[in-house]
Protein backbone atom coordinates (compact mmCIF):
# COMPACT_ATOMS: atom_id res chain seq x y z
CA MET A 1 55.11 85.17 -58.20
CA LYS A 2 52.90 86.80 -55.61
CA LEU A 3 50.85 89.76 -56.84
CA PRO A 4 51.30 93.07 -55.00
CA GLN A 5 48.56 93.69 -52.47
CA ARG A 6 48.08 97.43 -52.75
CA HIS A 7 44.38 97.85 -53.39
CA ASN A 8 41.46 98.25 -51.04
CA VAL A 9 37.70 98.09 -51.14
CA TYR A 10 35.85 100.59 -48.99
CA VAL A 11 32.31 101.44 -47.92
CA ILE A 12 31.06 104.94 -47.15
CA GLU A 13 27.80 105.56 -45.34
CA LEU A 14 25.58 108.06 -47.15
CA SER A 15 23.05 110.38 -45.58
CA LYS A 16 19.44 109.17 -45.88
CA ASP A 17 18.86 112.33 -47.93
CA VAL A 18 20.24 110.33 -50.88
CA LEU A 19 16.90 108.46 -50.86
CA LYS A 20 15.35 111.62 -52.34
CA LYS A 21 17.31 111.01 -55.55
CA ARG A 22 15.34 109.00 -58.13
CA ARG A 23 18.48 107.57 -59.65
CA PHE A 24 19.54 106.10 -56.30
CA LEU A 25 16.05 104.73 -55.59
CA ARG A 26 15.83 103.11 -59.04
CA ALA A 27 19.10 101.28 -58.34
CA ASN A 28 17.73 100.00 -55.01
CA PRO A 29 14.16 98.75 -55.47
CA ASP A 30 14.51 96.31 -52.56
CA TYR A 31 15.95 98.81 -50.06
CA LYS A 32 14.81 98.00 -46.51
CA ASP A 33 13.89 101.07 -44.51
CA GLY A 34 16.23 101.58 -41.57
CA LEU A 35 19.32 99.99 -43.13
CA PRO A 36 22.23 102.20 -44.19
CA CYS A 37 22.66 103.73 -47.62
CA VAL A 38 26.25 103.23 -48.78
CA TYR A 39 28.75 103.75 -51.56
CA VAL A 40 31.10 100.85 -52.34
CA GLY A 41 34.39 101.56 -54.10
CA MET A 42 37.92 100.34 -54.65
CA THR A 43 41.18 102.24 -54.58
CA GLY A 44 44.93 101.97 -54.63
CA LEU A 45 44.97 104.56 -51.84
CA ASP A 46 44.27 104.25 -48.14
CA PRO A 47 40.45 104.37 -47.79
CA ASP A 48 40.71 107.43 -45.50
CA VAL A 49 42.62 109.34 -48.17
CA ARG A 50 40.15 108.25 -50.86
CA PHE A 51 37.20 109.39 -48.73
CA ASP A 52 38.83 112.81 -48.24
CA LYS A 53 39.35 113.11 -52.01
CA HIS A 54 35.67 112.29 -52.67
CA LYS A 55 34.57 114.97 -50.21
CA ALA A 56 36.99 117.49 -51.74
CA GLY A 57 35.56 116.82 -55.21
CA ILE A 58 38.75 115.17 -56.51
CA GLN A 59 37.80 112.23 -58.77
CA SER A 60 34.65 112.19 -56.73
CA ASN A 61 31.38 110.34 -56.98
CA ARG A 62 28.53 112.85 -56.75
CA PHE A 63 26.60 110.86 -54.13
CA VAL A 64 29.68 110.64 -51.91
CA LYS A 65 30.59 114.29 -52.36
CA ASP A 66 27.06 115.43 -51.50
CA TYR A 67 25.91 112.75 -49.04
CA GLY A 68 29.00 110.93 -47.73
CA LEU A 69 29.14 110.76 -43.94
CA HIS A 70 31.98 108.43 -42.95
CA LEU A 71 33.76 105.19 -43.75
CA MET A 72 32.28 101.91 -42.48
CA PRO A 73 35.43 99.78 -41.99
CA GLU A 74 33.46 97.06 -40.22
CA LEU A 75 32.10 96.14 -43.68
CA TYR A 76 35.44 95.91 -45.51
CA HIS A 77 38.55 95.87 -43.29
CA GLU A 78 38.87 92.07 -43.34
CA PHE A 79 39.40 92.08 -47.13
CA ASN A 80 42.20 94.68 -47.40
CA PRO A 81 44.75 94.94 -48.89
CA MET A 82 44.54 92.79 -52.01
CA PRO A 83 45.77 92.63 -55.60
CA TYR A 84 44.07 94.90 -58.15
CA GLU A 85 42.02 92.19 -59.87
CA ASP A 86 40.77 90.86 -56.54
CA ALA A 87 39.76 94.39 -55.49
CA ARG A 88 37.86 94.89 -58.76
CA TYR A 89 35.94 91.69 -58.14
CA MET A 90 35.38 92.36 -54.43
CA GLU A 91 33.99 95.85 -55.09
CA VAL A 92 31.19 94.39 -57.21
CA ASP A 93 30.66 91.34 -55.00
CA LEU A 94 30.43 93.41 -51.81
CA ALA A 95 27.97 95.84 -53.42
CA ILE A 96 25.78 92.94 -54.56
CA ARG A 97 25.84 91.28 -51.13
CA LEU A 98 24.96 94.52 -49.33
CA ARG A 99 22.13 95.26 -51.78
CA GLN A 100 20.78 91.71 -51.34
CA SER A 101 20.80 92.33 -47.57
CA GLY A 102 18.57 95.37 -48.05
CA TYR A 103 21.14 98.17 -47.96
CA GLY A 104 20.78 101.10 -50.34
CA VAL A 105 23.93 100.77 -52.45
CA TRP A 106 25.66 102.90 -55.06
CA GLN A 107 28.65 101.36 -56.80
CA ALA A 108 30.10 103.16 -59.82
């Protein structure tokens, strides 16, 4: 039986102002100046809808609500959609890979 492919990973670019937050900096000791700061998440919704909910404060991550600029589909579109368990794994894996590349990453 094929699992339903209803879930998506997504990446939101955050304003560089997030670098003023100690909590974000502590999570990104190897951040390379000039690379984007991002939030990586997963959802059963369309990523555009999920971004709008973050910005509206609905089940929102504080960094996205305060510093979220826009989605970065070039970093995730090739993976979507996928089954729930795959999306859970991919959210963490993508965050790790971006952080290892020098991005500032928040993943809740």
